[in-house]
Amino acid sequence: MVHITGGGFTENIPRVIPKGLGAKIFRGAWEIPPLFKWIQETGKILESEMFLTFNMGIGMIAIMERSDADKVLELGYDLKIIGEIVDRDGVYFQ
């Protein structure tokens, strides 16, 4: 589990996965709340900075096997698959 706090995705996700692995985050997998869009537009903030500084509407990430994720999604909560673990260091946005 990853609590997405200051440092956003790029600093928090690597703390909970083995070295040598990374995360590919799927842009568009969730709707970014209008507040974040407003902050970005009003402050003329780069998207990369928004993902680093703010959570873009994501507060917690649970990393698990895909088969387990499918079971969790069946619980009916507003959950999303927003990425996948990859064989490459770092966090990437696609």
PDB file of N, CA and C in Angstrom:
ATOM      1  N   MET A   1       0.859  -1.178   0.000  1.00  0.00           N
ATOM      2  CA  MET A   1       0.000   0.000   0.000  1.00  0.00           C
ATOM      3  C   MET A   1       0.899   1.232   0.000  1.00  0.00           C
ATOM      4  N   VAL A   2       0.482   2.239  -0.723  1.00  0.00           N
ATOM      5  CA  VAL A   2       1.232   3.485  -0.834  1.00  0.00           C
ATOM      6  C   VAL A   2       0.285   4.641  -0.537  1.00  0.00           C
ATOM      7  N   HIS A   3       0.630   5.439   0.442  1.00  0.00           N
ATOM      8  CA  HIS A   3      -0.107   6.664   0.732  1.00  0.00           C
ATOM      9  C   HIS A   3       0.543   7.748  -0.118  1.00  0.00           C
ATOM     10  N   ILE A   4      -0.216   8.306  -1.053  1.00  0.00           N
ATOM     11  CA  ILE A   4       0.333   9.298  -1.967  1.00  0.00           C
ATOM     12  C   ILE A   4       0.256  10.664  -1.284  1.00  0.00           C
ATOM     13  N   THR A   5       1.402  11.095  -0.773  1.00  0.00           N
ATOM     14  CA  THR A   5       1.500  12.360  -0.035  1.00  0.00           C
ATOM     15  C   THR A   5       2.463  13.271  -0.778  1.00  0.00           C
ATOM     16  N   GLY A   6       3.064  14.221  -0.100  1.00  0.00           N
ATOM     17  CA  GLY A   6       4.068  15.076  -0.720  1.00  0.00           C
ATOM     18  C   GLY A   6       5.108  14.216  -1.408  1.00  0.00           C
ATOM     19  N   GLY A   7       5.468  14.574  -2.597  1.00  0.00           N
ATOM     20  CA  GLY A   7       6.356  13.742  -3.401  1.00  0.00           C
ATOM     21  C   GLY A   7       5.586  12.958  -4.435  1.00  0.00           C
ATOM     22  N   GLY A   8       4.265  12.965  -4.281  1.00  0.00           N
ATOM     23  CA  GLY A   8       3.392  12.356  -5.281  1.00  0.00           C
ATOM     24  C   GLY A   8       3.732  10.927  -5.624  1.00  0.00           C
ATOM     25  N   PHE A   9       3.413  10.583  -6.854  1.00  0.00           N
ATOM     26  CA  PHE A   9       3.611   9.232  -7.357  1.00  0.00           C
ATOM     27  C   PHE A   9       5.098   8.880  -7.431  1.00  0.00           C
ATOM     28  N   THR A  10       5.897   9.808  -7.962  1.00  0.00           N
ATOM     29  CA  THR A  10       7.289   9.485  -8.287  1.00  0.00           C
ATOM     30  C   THR A  10       8.163   9.220  -7.075  1.00  0.00           C
ATOM     31  N   GLU A  11       7.847   9.801  -5.952  1.00  0.00           N
ATOM     32  CA  GLU A  11       8.666   9.564  -4.760  1.00  0.00           C
ATOM     33  C   GLU A  11       8.082   8.487  -3.849  1.00  0.00           C
ATOM     34  N   ASN A  12       6.774   8.305  -3.879  1.00  0.00           N
ATOM     35  CA  ASN A  12       6.151   7.377  -2.931  1.00  0.00           C
ATOM     36  C   ASN A  12       6.066   5.938  -3.424  1.00  0.00           C
ATOM     37  N   ILE A  13       5.745   5.722  -4.684  1.00  0.00           N
ATOM     38  CA  ILE A  13       5.606   4.349  -5.184  1.00  0.00           C
ATOM     39  C   ILE A  13       6.913   3.568  -5.073  1.00  0.00           C
ATOM     40  N   PRO A  14       8.068   4.135  -5.481  1.00  0.00           N
ATOM     41  CA  PRO A  14       9.309   3.354  -5.390  1.00  0.00           C
ATOM     42  C   PRO A  14       9.658   2.897  -3.980  1.00  0.00           C
ATOM     43  N   ARG A  15       9.103   3.512  -2.970  1.00  0.00           N
ATOM     44  CA  ARG A  15       9.394   3.118  -1.590  1.00  0.00           C
ATOM     45  C   ARG A  15       8.836   1.745  -1.226  1.00  0.00           C
ATOM     46  N   VAL A  16       7.840   1.275  -1.981  1.00  0.00           N
ATOM     47  CA  VAL A  16       7.181   0.022  -1.592  1.00  0.00           C
ATOM     48  C   VAL A  16       7.369  -1.112  -2.588  1.00  0.00           C
ATOM     49  N   ILE A  17       8.147  -0.888  -3.640  1.00  0.00           N
ATOM     50  CA  ILE A  17       8.391  -1.970  -4.592  1.00  0.00           C
ATOM     51  C   ILE A  17       9.886  -2.293  -4.602  1.00  0.00           C
ATOM     52  N   PRO A  18      10.233  -3.517  -4.972  1.00  0.00           N
ATOM     53  CA  PRO A  18      11.643  -3.903  -4.984  1.00  0.00           C
ATOM     54  C   PRO A  18      12.474  -3.048  -5.942  1.00  0.00           C
ATOM     55  N   LYS A  19      13.736  -2.857  -5.592  1.00  0.00           N
ATOM     56  CA  LYS A  19      14.656  -2.133  -6.471  1.00  0.00           C
ATOM     57  C   LYS A  19      14.712  -2.842  -7.818  1.00  0.00           C
ATOM     58  N   GLY A  20      14.825  -2.065  -8.864  1.00  0.00           N
ATOM     59  CA  GLY A  20      14.856  -2.624 -10.212  1.00  0.00           C
ATOM     60  C   GLY A  20      13.497  -2.655 -10.879  1.00  0.00           C
ATOM     61  N   LEU A  21      12.456  -2.449 -10.084  1.00  0.00           N
ATOM     62  CA  LEU A  21      11.108  -2.393 -10.645  1.00  0.00           C
ATOM     63  C   LEU A  21      10.610  -0.958 -10.611  1.00  0.00           C
ATOM     64  N   GLY A  22       9.649  -0.674 -11.442  1.00  0.00           N
ATOM     65  CA  GLY A  22       9.053   0.654 -11.481  1.00  0.00           C
ATOM     66  C   GLY A  22       7.557   0.541 -11.701  1.00  0.00           C
ATOM     67  N   ALA A  23       6.941   1.672 -11.954  1.00  0.00           N
ATOM     68  CA  ALA A  23       5.490   1.695 -12.160  1.00  0.00           C
ATOM     69  C   ALA A  23       5.160   2.515 -13.395  1.00  0.00           C
ATOM     70  N   LYS A  24       4.282   1.964 -14.214  1.00  0.00           N
ATOM     71  CA  LYS A  24       3.734   2.690 -15.353  1.00  0.00           C
ATOM     72  C   LYS A  24       2.324   3.103 -14.958  1.00  0.00           C
ATOM     73  N   ILE A  25       2.088   4.400 -14.897  1.00  0.00           N
ATOM     74  CA  ILE A  25       0.772   4.927 -14.512  1.00  0.00           C
ATOM     75  C   ILE A  25       0.013   5.300 -15.776  1.00  0.00           C
ATOM     76  N   PHE A  26      -1.229   4.853 -15.872  1.00  0.00           N
ATOM     77  CA  PHE A  26      -2.059   5.114 -17.042  1.00  0.00           C
ATOM     78  C   PHE A  26      -2.804   6.436 -16.874  1.00  0.00           C
ATOM     79  N   ARG A  27      -2.348   7.465 -17.575  1.00  0.00           N
ATOM     80  CA  ARG A  27      -3.092   8.739 -17.573  1.00  0.00           C
ATOM     81  C   ARG A  27      -4.473   8.448 -18.134  1.00  0.00           C
ATOM     82  N   GLY A  28      -5.460   9.039 -17.569  1.00  0.00           N
ATOM     83  CA  GLY A  28      -6.811   8.826 -18.059  1.00  0.00           C
ATOM     84  C   GLY A  28      -7.514   7.641 -17.416  1.00  0.00           C
ATOM     85  N   ALA A  29      -6.830   6.913 -16.524  1.00  0.00           N
ATOM     86  CA  ALA A  29      -7.454   5.772 -15.861  1.00  0.00           C
ATOM     87  C   ALA A  29      -8.454   6.224 -14.801  1.00  0.00           C
ATOM     88  N   TRP A  30      -8.354   7.466 -14.385  1.00  0.00           N
ATOM     89  CA  TRP A  30      -9.287   8.029 -13.417  1.00  0.00           C
ATOM     90  C   TRP A  30      -9.539   9.487 -13.805  1.00  0.00           C
ATOM     91  N   GLU A  31     -10.659   9.988 -13.344  1.00  0.00           N
ATOM     92  CA  GLU A  31     -10.989  11.380 -13.627  1.00  0.00           C
ATOM     93  C   GLU A  31     -10.302  12.273 -12.593  1.00  0.00           C
ATOM     94  N   ILE A  32      -9.479  13.188 -13.079  1.00  0.00           N
ATOM     95  CA  ILE A  32      -8.803  14.125 -12.188  1.00  0.00           C
ATOM     96  C   ILE A  32      -9.839  15.142 -11.718  1.00  0.00           C
ATOM     97  N   PRO A  33      -9.975  15.324 -10.419  1.00  0.00           N
ATOM     98  CA  PRO A  33     -10.975  16.274  -9.896  1.00  0.00           C
ATOM     99  C   PRO A  33     -10.765  17.685 -10.454  1.00  0.00           C
ATOM    100  N   PRO A  34     -11.858  18.384 -10.704  1.00  0.00           N
ATOM    101  CA  PRO A  34     -11.776  19.731 -11.269  1.00  0.00           C
ATOM    102  C   PRO A  34     -10.873  20.679 -10.488  1.00  0.00           C
ATOM    103  N   LEU A  35     -10.775  20.525  -9.175  1.00  0.00           N
ATOM    104  CA  LEU A  35      -9.916  21.394  -8.371  1.00  0.00           C
ATOM    105  C   LEU A  35      -8.473  21.348  -8.860  1.00  0.00           C
ATOM    106  N   PHE A  36      -7.967  20.161  -9.174  1.00  0.00           N
ATOM    107  CA  PHE A  36      -6.590  20.032  -9.623  1.00  0.00           C
ATOM    108  C   PHE A  36      -6.395  20.666 -10.998  1.00  0.00           C
ATOM    109  N   LYS A  37      -7.406  20.525 -11.856  1.00  0.00           N
ATOM    110  CA  LYS A  37      -7.336  21.162 -13.175  1.00  0.00           C
ATOM    111  C   LYS A  37      -7.300  22.687 -13.014  1.00  0.00           C
ATOM    112  N   TRP A  38      -8.109  23.182 -12.106  1.00  0.00           N
ATOM    113  CA  TRP A  38      -8.146  24.628 -11.849  1.00  0.00           C
ATOM    114  C   TRP A  38      -6.798  25.120 -11.311  1.00  0.00           C
ATOM    115  N   ILE A  39      -6.247  24.406 -10.347  1.00  0.00           N
ATOM    116  CA  ILE A  39      -4.941  24.784  -9.787  1.00  0.00           C
ATOM    117  C   ILE A  39      -3.886  24.825 -10.894  1.00  0.00           C
ATOM    118  N   GLN A  40      -3.884  23.807 -11.741  1.00  0.00           N
ATOM    119  CA  GLN A  40      -2.892  23.739 -12.798  1.00  0.00           C
ATOM    120  C   GLN A  40      -3.042  24.893 -13.779  1.00  0.00           C
ATOM    121  N   GLU A  41      -4.267  25.161 -14.211  1.00  0.00           N
ATOM    122  CA  GLU A  41      -4.502  26.233 -15.177  1.00  0.00           C
ATOM    123  C   GLU A  41      -4.244  27.606 -14.572  1.00  0.00           C
ATOM    124  N   THR A  42      -4.767  27.841 -13.384  1.00  0.00           N
ATOM    125  CA  THR A  42      -4.626  29.149 -12.738  1.00  0.00           C
ATOM    126  C   THR A  42      -3.178  29.445 -12.397  1.00  0.00           C
ATOM    127  N   GLY A  43      -2.469  28.450 -11.912  1.00  0.00           N
ATOM    128  CA  GLY A  43      -1.082  28.644 -11.513  1.00  0.00           C
ATOM    129  C   GLY A  43      -0.083  28.417 -12.627  1.00  0.00           C
ATOM    130  N   LYS A  44      -0.599  28.026 -13.807  1.00  0.00           N
ATOM    131  CA  LYS A  44       0.280  27.718 -14.944  1.00  0.00           C
ATOM    132  C   LYS A  44       1.375  26.716 -14.523  1.00  0.00           C
ATOM    133  N   ILE A  45       0.918  25.626 -13.929  1.00  0.00           N
ATOM    134  CA  ILE A  45       1.816  24.604 -13.383  1.00  0.00           C
ATOM    135  C   ILE A  45       1.929  23.453 -14.376  1.00  0.00           C
ATOM    136  N   LEU A  46       3.142  23.005 -14.600  1.00  0.00           N
ATOM    137  CA  LEU A  46       3.365  21.872 -15.492  1.00  0.00           C
ATOM    138  C   LEU A  46       2.692  20.617 -14.942  1.00  0.00           C
ATOM    139  N   GLU A  47       2.229  19.765 -15.842  1.00  0.00           N
ATOM    140  CA  GLU A  47       1.578  18.527 -15.412  1.00  0.00           C
ATOM    141  C   GLU A  47       2.524  17.678 -14.565  1.00  0.00           C
ATOM    142  N   SER A  48       3.786  17.615 -14.948  1.00  0.00           N
ATOM    143  CA  SER A  48       4.750  16.822 -14.180  1.00  0.00           C
ATOM    144  C   SER A  48       4.848  17.318 -12.742  1.00  0.00           C
ATOM    145  N   GLU A  49       4.790  18.615 -12.553  1.00  0.00           N
ATOM    146  CA  GLU A  49       4.830  19.192 -11.204  1.00  0.00           C
ATOM    147  C   GLU A  49       3.544  18.885 -10.444  1.00  0.00           C
ATOM    148  N   MET A  50       2.428  18.857 -11.143  1.00  0.00           N
ATOM    149  CA  MET A  50       1.150  18.534 -10.502  1.00  0.00           C
ATOM    150  C   MET A  50       1.175  17.113  -9.943  1.00  0.00           C
ATOM    151  N   PHE A  51       1.751  16.178 -10.708  1.00  0.00           N
ATOM    152  CA  PHE A  51       1.821  14.801 -10.236  1.00  0.00           C
ATOM    153  C   PHE A  51       2.849  14.639  -9.132  1.00  0.00           C
ATOM    154  N   LEU A  52       3.861  15.489  -9.097  1.00  0.00           N
ATOM    155  CA  LEU A  52       4.880  15.415  -8.057  1.00  0.00           C
ATOM    156  C   LEU A  52       4.392  16.050  -6.759  1.00  0.00           C
ATOM    157  N   THR A  53       3.730  17.184  -6.872  1.00  0.00           N
ATOM    158  CA  THR A  53       3.335  17.956  -5.695  1.00  0.00           C
ATOM    159  C   THR A  53       1.967  17.549  -5.155  1.00  0.00           C
ATOM    160  N   PHE A  54       1.046  17.280  -6.058  1.00  0.00           N
ATOM    161  CA  PHE A  54      -0.328  16.944  -5.667  1.00  0.00           C
ATOM    162  C   PHE A  54      -0.608  15.480  -5.994  1.00  0.00           C
ATOM    163  N   ASN A  55      -1.653  14.961  -5.454  1.00  0.00           N
ATOM    164  CA  ASN A  55      -1.975  13.556  -5.707  1.00  0.00           C
ATOM    165  C   ASN A  55      -2.914  13.360  -6.889  1.00  0.00           C
ATOM    166  N   MET A  56      -3.382  14.429  -7.468  1.00  0.00           N
ATOM    167  CA  MET A  56      -4.263  14.385  -8.639  1.00  0.00           C
ATOM    168  C   MET A  56      -5.509  13.523  -8.389  1.00  0.00           C
ATOM    169  N   GLY A  57      -5.939  13.496  -7.140  1.00  0.00           N
ATOM    170  CA  GLY A  57      -7.145  12.765  -6.783  1.00  0.00           C
ATOM    171  C   GLY A  57      -6.903  11.363  -6.267  1.00  0.00           C
ATOM    172  N   ILE A  58      -5.661  10.921  -6.265  1.00  0.00           N
ATOM    173  CA  ILE A  58      -5.326   9.583  -5.779  1.00  0.00           C
ATOM    174  C   ILE A  58      -4.682   9.728  -4.408  1.00  0.00           C
ATOM    175  N   GLY A  59      -5.259   9.097  -3.405  1.00  0.00           N
ATOM    176  CA  GLY A  59      -4.730   9.197  -2.059  1.00  0.00           C
ATOM    177  C   GLY A  59      -4.034   7.936  -1.582  1.00  0.00           C
ATOM    178  N   MET A  60      -4.412   6.794  -2.161  1.00  0.00           N
ATOM    179  CA  MET A  60      -3.861   5.519  -1.724  1.00  0.00           C
ATOM    180  C   MET A  60      -3.775   4.600  -2.938  1.00  0.00           C
ATOM    181  N   ILE A  61      -2.683   3.884  -3.017  1.00  0.00           N
ATOM    182  CA  ILE A  61      -2.500   2.896  -4.079  1.00  0.00           C
ATOM    183  C   ILE A  61      -2.212   1.552  -3.419  1.00  0.00           C
ATOM    184  N   ALA A  62      -2.912   0.524  -3.857  1.00  0.00           N
ATOM    185  CA  ALA A  62      -2.653  -0.841  -3.411  1.00  0.00           C
ATOM    186  C   ALA A  62      -2.024  -1.586  -4.582  1.00  0.00           C
ATOM    187  N   ILE A  63      -0.850  -2.157  -4.358  1.00  0.00           N
ATOM    188  CA  ILE A  63      -0.144  -2.897  -5.395  1.00  0.00           C
ATOM    189  C   ILE A  63      -0.346  -4.378  -5.124  1.00  0.00           C
ATOM    190  N   MET A  64      -0.815  -5.098  -6.154  1.00  0.00           N
ATOM    191  CA  MET A  64      -1.127  -6.524  -5.988  1.00  0.00           C
ATOM    192  C   MET A  64      -1.064  -7.228  -7.333  1.00  0.00           C
ATOM    193  N   GLU A  65      -1.147  -8.535  -7.282  1.00  0.00           N
ATOM    194  CA  GLU A  65      -1.226  -9.330  -8.505  1.00  0.00           C
ATOM    195  C   GLU A  65      -2.489  -8.950  -9.262  1.00  0.00           C
ATOM    196  N   ARG A  66      -2.426  -9.017 -10.581  1.00  0.00           N
ATOM    197  CA  ARG A  66      -3.580  -8.639 -11.407  1.00  0.00           C
ATOM    198  C   ARG A  66      -4.811  -9.485 -11.067  1.00  0.00           C
ATOM    199  N   SER A  67      -4.622 -10.771 -10.839  1.00  0.00           N
ATOM    200  CA  SER A  67      -5.766 -11.634 -10.512  1.00  0.00           C
ATOM    201  C   SER A  67      -6.434 -11.192  -9.210  1.00  0.00           C
ATOM    202  N   ASP A  68      -5.637 -10.725  -8.252  1.00  0.00           N
ATOM    203  CA  ASP A  68      -6.200 -10.217  -7.006  1.00  0.00           C
ATOM    204  C   ASP A  68      -6.923  -8.889  -7.245  1.00  0.00           C
ATOM    205  N   ALA A  69      -6.367  -8.062  -8.134  1.00  0.00           N
ATOM    206  CA  ALA A  69      -6.997  -6.777  -8.440  1.00  0.00           C
ATOM    207  C   ALA A  69      -8.385  -6.997  -9.036  1.00  0.00           C
ATOM    208  N   ASP A  70      -8.513  -7.976  -9.918  1.00  0.00           N
ATOM    209  CA  ASP A  70      -9.815  -8.268 -10.509  1.00  0.00           C
ATOM    210  C   ASP A  70     -10.831  -8.647  -9.433  1.00  0.00           C
ATOM    211  N   LYS A  71     -10.406  -9.408  -8.431  1.00  0.00           N
ATOM    212  CA  LYS A  71     -11.284  -9.797  -7.326  1.00  0.00           C
ATOM    213  C   LYS A  71     -11.683  -8.578  -6.497  1.00  0.00           C
ATOM    214  N   VAL A  72     -10.727  -7.692  -6.236  1.00  0.00           N
ATOM    215  CA  VAL A  72     -11.009  -6.493  -5.442  1.00  0.00           C
ATOM    216  C   VAL A  72     -11.992  -5.586  -6.180  1.00  0.00           C
ATOM    217  N   LEU A  73     -11.829  -5.463  -7.490  1.00  0.00           N
ATOM    218  CA  LEU A  73     -12.740  -4.615  -8.270  1.00  0.00           C
ATOM    219  C   LEU A  73     -14.180  -5.118  -8.182  1.00  0.00           C
ATOM    220  N   GLU A  74     -14.341  -6.419  -8.016  1.00  0.00           N
ATOM    221  CA  GLU A  74     -15.681  -6.999  -7.914  1.00  0.00           C
ATOM    222  C   GLU A  74     -16.409  -6.588  -6.636  1.00  0.00           C
ATOM    223  N   LEU A  75     -15.690  -6.014  -5.674  1.00  0.00           N
ATOM    224  CA  LEU A  75     -16.314  -5.589  -4.417  1.00  0.00           C
ATOM    225  C   LEU A  75     -17.281  -4.429  -4.624  1.00  0.00           C
ATOM    226  N   GLY A  76     -17.151  -3.725  -5.741  1.00  0.00           N
ATOM    227  CA  GLY A  76     -18.113  -2.697  -6.083  1.00  0.00           C
ATOM    228  C   GLY A  76     -17.795  -1.291  -5.622  1.00  0.00           C
ATOM    229  N   TYR A  77     -16.661  -1.067  -5.015  1.00  0.00           N
ATOM    230  CA  TYR A  77     -16.290   0.288  -4.613  1.00  0.00           C
ATOM    231  C   TYR A  77     -15.790   1.050  -5.835  1.00  0.00           C
ATOM    232  N   ASP A  78     -15.609   2.349  -5.693  1.00  0.00           N
ATOM    233  CA  ASP A  78     -15.101   3.167  -6.790  1.00  0.00           C
ATOM    234  C   ASP A  78     -13.579   3.014  -6.854  1.00  0.00           C
ATOM    235  N   LEU A  79     -13.146   1.863  -7.347  1.00  0.00           N
ATOM    236  CA  LEU A  79     -11.720   1.543  -7.445  1.00  0.00           C
ATOM    237  C   LEU A  79     -11.326   1.496  -8.909  1.00  0.00           C
ATOM    238  N   LYS A  80     -10.082   1.781  -9.178  1.00  0.00           N
ATOM    239  CA  LYS A  80      -9.593   1.794 -10.547  1.00  0.00           C
ATOM    240  C   LYS A  80      -8.229   1.118 -10.615  1.00  0.00           C
ATOM    241  N   ILE A  81      -7.956   0.475 -11.727  1.00  0.00           N
ATOM    242  CA  ILE A  81      -6.600   0.035 -12.027  1.00  0.00           C
ATOM    243  C   ILE A  81      -5.965   1.213 -12.742  1.00  0.00           C
ATOM    244  N   ILE A  82      -4.930   1.778 -12.125  1.00  0.00           N
ATOM    245  CA  ILE A  82      -4.336   2.997 -12.681  1.00  0.00           C
ATOM    246  C   ILE A  82      -2.926   2.777 -13.209  1.00  0.00           C
ATOM    247  N   GLY A  83      -2.447   1.545 -13.173  1.00  0.00           N
ATOM    248  CA  GLY A  83      -1.107   1.312 -13.682  1.00  0.00           C
ATOM    249  C   GLY A  83      -0.685  -0.126 -13.499  1.00  0.00           C
ATOM    250  N   GLU A  84       0.614  -0.331 -13.727  1.00  0.00           N
ATOM    251  CA  GLU A  84       1.180  -1.667 -13.578  1.00  0.00           C
ATOM    252  C   GLU A  84       2.645  -1.554 -13.197  1.00  0.00           C
ATOM    253  N   ILE A  85       3.137  -2.601 -12.560  1.00  0.00           N
ATOM    254  CA  ILE A  85       4.545  -2.668 -12.183  1.00  0.00           C
ATOM    255  C   ILE A  85       5.328  -3.151 -13.408  1.00  0.00           C
ATOM    256  N   VAL A  86       6.471  -2.504 -13.656  1.00  0.00           N
ATOM    257  CA  VAL A  86       7.282  -2.822 -14.830  1.00  0.00           C
ATOM    258  C   VAL A  86       8.721  -3.131 -14.405  1.00  0.00           C
ATOM    259  N   ASP A  87       9.440  -3.808 -15.285  1.00  0.00           N
ATOM    260  CA  ASP A  87      10.843  -4.177 -15.020  1.00  0.00           C
ATOM    261  C   ASP A  87      11.773  -3.035 -15.403  1.00  0.00           C
ATOM    262  N   ARG A  88      11.619  -1.910 -14.728  1.00  0.00           N
ATOM    263  CA  ARG A  88      12.406  -0.722 -15.043  1.00  0.00           C
ATOM    264  C   ARG A  88      12.250   0.245 -13.883  1.00  0.00           C
ATOM    265  N   ASP A  89      13.343   0.805 -13.400  1.00  0.00           N
ATOM    266  CA  ASP A  89      13.276   1.756 -12.292  1.00  0.00           C
ATOM    267  C   ASP A  89      12.466   2.985 -12.662  1.00  0.00           C
ATOM    268  N   GLY A  90      11.803   3.547 -11.670  1.00  0.00           N
ATOM    269  CA  GLY A  90      11.127   4.832 -11.835  1.00  0.00           C
ATOM    270  C   GLY A  90       9.624   4.704 -12.001  1.00  0.00           C
ATOM    271  N   VAL A  91       8.994   5.852 -12.093  1.00  0.00           N
ATOM    272  CA  VAL A  91       7.549   5.942 -12.304  1.00  0.00           C
ATOM    273  C   VAL A  91       7.338   6.683 -13.619  1.00  0.00           C
ATOM    274  N   TYR A  92       6.564   6.090 -14.493  1.00  0.00           N
ATOM    275  CA  TYR A  92       6.321   6.630 -15.831  1.00  0.00           C
ATOM    276  C   TYR A  92       4.839   6.842 -16.045  1.00  0.00           C
ATOM    277  N   PHE A  93       4.507   7.860 -16.787  1.00  0.00           N
ATOM    278  CA  PHE A  93       3.114   8.171 -17.091  1.00  0.00           C
ATOM    279  C   PHE A  93       2.874   7.930 -18.569  1.00  0.00           C
ATOM    280  N   GLN A  94       1.844   7.180 -18.859  1.00  0.00           N
ATOM    281  CA  GLN A  94       1.525   6.832 -20.248  1.00  0.00           C
ATOM    282  C   GLN A  94       0.123   7.290 -20.559  1.00  0.00           C
TER     283      GLN A  94
END
